[in-house]
Amino acid sequence: MCCAAAAYNASSISILAGTGSGTFGAPVNLATGTNPRDVAVVDFNGDGRLDLATANEGSHTISILLGTGPGTFQAPSTTAPAATARTTSPPPISTLTAGPTWPRPTTPATAWAS
């Protein structure tokens, strides 16, 4: 069992491998993008080994560290996520209960009249 923690100000994550006696070994620090905020543990490439991903707030990137064995990982691959654009905002929650489907018409008096 391992533990992974984001080190926000150090722009790294710390991996602590379990010793088998209920304790963890010394942390191993791995570089990520700037200011990692969250860590996810998933087998991204389907090789049966757990991989790590960090959401890096400071650099607006994602770092993927592929697992190579128990508690060890490759150097990170860091990339910016694909941008998605939203040109209009969804309607307020109160308008989702009745009326025509979104996007809402812009004429206020008849916008939600049925």
C-alpha atoms as a PDB file:
ATOM      1  CA  MET A   1       0.000   0.000   0.000  1.00  0.00           C
ATOM      2  CA  CYS A   2       1.241   3.455  -0.905  1.00  0.00           C
ATOM      3  CA  CYS A   3       0.142   6.962  -0.117  1.00  0.00           C
ATOM      4  CA  ALA A   4       0.383   9.895  -2.551  1.00  0.00           C
ATOM      5  CA  ALA A   5      -0.009  13.532  -1.527  1.00  0.00           C
ATOM      6  CA  ALA A   6       0.189  16.734  -3.553  1.00  0.00           C
ATOM      7  CA  ALA A   7       2.824  19.193  -2.351  1.00  0.00           C
ATOM      8  CA  TYR A   8       1.215  22.388  -3.640  1.00  0.00           C
ATOM      9  CA  ASN A   9       4.023  24.882  -2.982  1.00  0.00           C
ATOM     10  CA  ALA A  10       6.780  22.437  -3.953  1.00  0.00           C
ATOM     11  CA  SER A  11       5.201  21.596  -7.353  1.00  0.00           C
ATOM     12  CA  SER A  12       5.594  17.904  -6.680  1.00  0.00           C
ATOM     13  CA  ILE A  13       3.832  14.909  -5.223  1.00  0.00           C
ATOM     14  CA  SER A  14       5.122  12.814  -2.372  1.00  0.00           C
ATOM     15  CA  ILE A  15       4.882   9.024  -2.568  1.00  0.00           C
ATOM     16  CA  LEU A  16       5.112   7.094   0.680  1.00  0.00           C
ATOM     17  CA  ALA A  17       5.451   3.341   0.209  1.00  0.00           C
ATOM     18  CA  GLY A  18       4.018   1.057   2.864  1.00  0.00           C
ATOM     19  CA  THR A  19       6.532  -0.989   4.833  1.00  0.00           C
ATOM     20  CA  GLY A  20       4.159  -3.864   5.564  1.00  0.00           C
ATOM     21  CA  SER A  21       4.186  -3.149   9.305  1.00  0.00           C
ATOM     22  CA  GLY A  22       1.524  -0.444   9.329  1.00  0.00           C
ATOM     23  CA  THR A  23       3.956   2.384   8.679  1.00  0.00           C
ATOM     24  CA  PHE A  24       5.249   4.233   5.634  1.00  0.00           C
ATOM     25  CA  GLY A  25       8.791   4.677   4.400  1.00  0.00           C
ATOM     26  CA  ALA A  26      10.468   7.998   3.688  1.00  0.00           C
ATOM     27  CA  PRO A  27       8.685  10.115   1.069  1.00  0.00           C
ATOM     28  CA  VAL A  28       9.874  10.112  -2.526  1.00  0.00           C
ATOM     29  CA  ASN A  29       9.132  13.444  -4.209  1.00  0.00           C
ATOM     30  CA  LEU A  30       8.278  13.523  -7.919  1.00  0.00           C
ATOM     31  CA  ALA A  31       8.041  16.693 -10.007  1.00  0.00           C
ATOM     32  CA  THR A  32       4.684  17.780 -11.450  1.00  0.00           C
ATOM     33  CA  GLY A  33       3.352  20.946 -13.050  1.00  0.00           C
ATOM     34  CA  THR A  34       3.109  24.097 -10.948  1.00  0.00           C
ATOM     35  CA  ASN A  35       0.992  23.866  -7.791  1.00  0.00           C
ATOM     36  CA  PRO A  36      -0.572  20.390  -7.975  1.00  0.00           C
ATOM     37  CA  ARG A  37      -3.950  20.547  -6.283  1.00  0.00           C
ATOM     38  CA  ASP A  38      -5.396  17.047  -6.630  1.00  0.00           C
ATOM     39  CA  VAL A  39      -4.037  13.541  -7.149  1.00  0.00           C
ATOM     40  CA  ALA A  40      -5.917  10.691  -8.842  1.00  0.00           C
ATOM     41  CA  VAL A  41      -4.802   7.056  -8.799  1.00  0.00           C
ATOM     42  CA  VAL A  42      -5.952   5.093 -11.864  1.00  0.00           C
ATOM     43  CA  ASP A  43      -4.536   2.486 -14.244  1.00  0.00           C
ATOM     44  CA  PHE A  44      -4.576   4.810 -17.277  1.00  0.00           C
ATOM     45  CA  ASN A  45      -2.777   2.562 -19.753  1.00  0.00           C
ATOM     46  CA  GLY A  46      -4.308  -0.784 -18.720  1.00  0.00           C
ATOM     47  CA  ASP A  47      -1.017  -2.471 -17.791  1.00  0.00           C
ATOM     48  CA  GLY A  48      -2.238  -3.557 -14.355  1.00  0.00           C
ATOM     49  CA  ARG A  49      -0.090  -0.981 -12.516  1.00  0.00           C
ATOM     50  CA  LEU A  50      -1.540   2.076 -10.817  1.00  0.00           C
ATOM     51  CA  ASP A  51      -0.676   5.423 -12.373  1.00  0.00           C
ATOM     52  CA  LEU A  52      -0.967   8.935 -10.942  1.00  0.00           C
ATOM     53  CA  ALA A  53      -2.476  12.116 -12.333  1.00  0.00           C
ATOM     54  CA  THR A  54      -2.282  15.583 -10.853  1.00  0.00           C
ATOM     55  CA  ALA A  55      -4.357  18.654 -11.621  1.00  0.00           C
ATOM     56  CA  ASN A  56      -1.852  21.522 -11.541  1.00  0.00           C
ATOM     57  CA  GLU A  57      -3.559  24.741 -10.604  1.00  0.00           C
ATOM     58  CA  GLY A  58      -0.616  27.098 -11.117  1.00  0.00           C
ATOM     59  CA  SER A  59       0.258  25.956 -14.641  1.00  0.00           C
ATOM     60  CA  HIS A  60      -3.275  24.924 -15.707  1.00  0.00           C
ATOM     61  CA  THR A  61      -1.943  21.528 -16.731  1.00  0.00           C
ATOM     62  CA  ILE A  62      -2.361  17.844 -15.958  1.00  0.00           C
ATOM     63  CA  SER A  63       0.594  15.589 -15.150  1.00  0.00           C
ATOM     64  CA  ILE A  64       0.434  11.823 -15.713  1.00  0.00           C
ATOM     65  CA  LEU A  65       2.984   9.580 -14.006  1.00  0.00           C
ATOM     66  CA  LEU A  66       2.806   5.998 -15.266  1.00  0.00           C
ATOM     67  CA  GLY A  67       3.458   3.311 -12.662  1.00  0.00           C
ATOM     68  CA  THR A  68       6.480   1.075 -13.240  1.00  0.00           C
ATOM     69  CA  GLY A  69       6.142  -1.160 -10.185  1.00  0.00           C
ATOM     70  CA  PRO A  70       5.271  -1.007  -6.502  1.00  0.00           C
ATOM     71  CA  GLY A  71       5.615   2.637  -5.472  1.00  0.00           C
ATOM     72  CA  THR A  72       7.687   3.671  -8.522  1.00  0.00           C
ATOM     73  CA  PHE A  73       6.692   5.891 -11.433  1.00  0.00           C
ATOM     74  CA  GLN A  74       8.053   7.228 -14.709  1.00  0.00           C
ATOM     75  CA  ALA A  75       8.878  10.904 -15.098  1.00  0.00           C
ATOM     76  CA  PRO A  76       5.695  12.935 -15.534  1.00  0.00           C
ATOM     77  CA  SER A  77       4.139  13.731 -18.859  1.00  0.00           C
ATOM     78  CA  THR A  78       2.564  17.160 -18.428  1.00  0.00           C
ATOM     79  CA  THR A  79       0.074  18.667 -20.845  1.00  0.00           C
ATOM     80  CA  ALA A  80      -2.593  21.326 -20.992  1.00  0.00           C
ATOM     81  CA  PRO A  81      -6.099  19.850 -21.205  1.00  0.00           C
ATOM     82  CA  ALA A  82      -8.128  20.475 -24.328  1.00  0.00           C
ATOM     83  CA  ALA A  83     -10.123  23.658 -23.998  1.00  0.00           C
ATOM     84  CA  THR A  84     -13.863  23.613 -24.340  1.00  0.00           C
ATOM     85  CA  ALA A  85     -15.738  26.772 -25.042  1.00  0.00           C
ATOM     86  CA  ARG A  86     -19.186  27.637 -23.831  1.00  0.00           C
ATOM     87  CA  THR A  87     -20.677  30.565 -25.652  1.00  0.00           C
ATOM     88  CA  THR A  88     -23.824  30.935 -23.574  1.00  0.00           C
ATOM     89  CA  SER A  89     -24.699  30.225 -19.998  1.00  0.00           C
ATOM     90  CA  PRO A  90     -27.297  27.664 -18.962  1.00  0.00           C
ATOM     91  CA  PRO A  91     -30.491  29.012 -17.460  1.00  0.00           C
ATOM     92  CA  PRO A  92     -30.806  29.463 -13.693  1.00  0.00           C
ATOM     93  CA  ILE A  93     -31.887  26.372 -11.770  1.00  0.00           C
ATOM     94  CA  SER A  94     -35.321  27.880 -11.091  1.00  0.00           C
ATOM     95  CA  THR A  95     -36.107  27.899 -14.819  1.00  0.00           C
ATOM     96  CA  LEU A  96     -35.194  24.254 -15.369  1.00  0.00           C
ATOM     97  CA  THR A  97     -38.434  22.966 -13.901  1.00  0.00           C
ATOM     98  CA  ALA A  98     -40.820  24.244 -16.577  1.00  0.00           C
ATOM     99  CA  GLY A  99     -40.881  25.772 -20.033  1.00  0.00           C
ATOM    100  CA  PRO A 100     -39.094  25.025 -23.300  1.00  0.00           C
ATOM    101  CA  THR A 101     -35.662  23.484 -23.443  1.00  0.00           C
ATOM    102  CA  TRP A 102     -32.433  25.382 -23.095  1.00  0.00           C
ATOM    103  CA  PRO A 103     -31.133  27.678 -24.555  1.00  0.00           C
ATOM    104  CA  ARG A 104     -33.689  30.082 -23.282  1.00  0.00           C
ATOM    105  CA  PRO A 105     -35.135  32.686 -25.715  1.00  0.00           C
ATOM    106  CA  THR A 106     -33.989  36.215 -25.067  1.00  0.00           C
ATOM    107  CA  THR A 107     -37.380  37.983 -25.123  1.00  0.00           C
ATOM    108  CA  PRO A 108     -38.189  38.320 -21.424  1.00  0.00           C
ATOM    109  CA  ALA A 109     -41.990  38.532 -21.512  1.00  0.00           C
ATOM    110  CA  THR A 110     -42.517  35.360 -23.550  1.00  0.00           C
ATOM    111  CA  ALA A 111     -39.335  33.464 -22.794  1.00  0.00           C
ATOM    112  CA  TRP A 112     -40.975  30.729 -20.732  1.00  0.00           C
ATOM    113  CA  ALA A 113     -44.618  31.081 -21.634  1.00  0.00           C
ATOM    114  CA  SER A 114     -46.067  27.825 -22.933  1.00  0.00           C
END
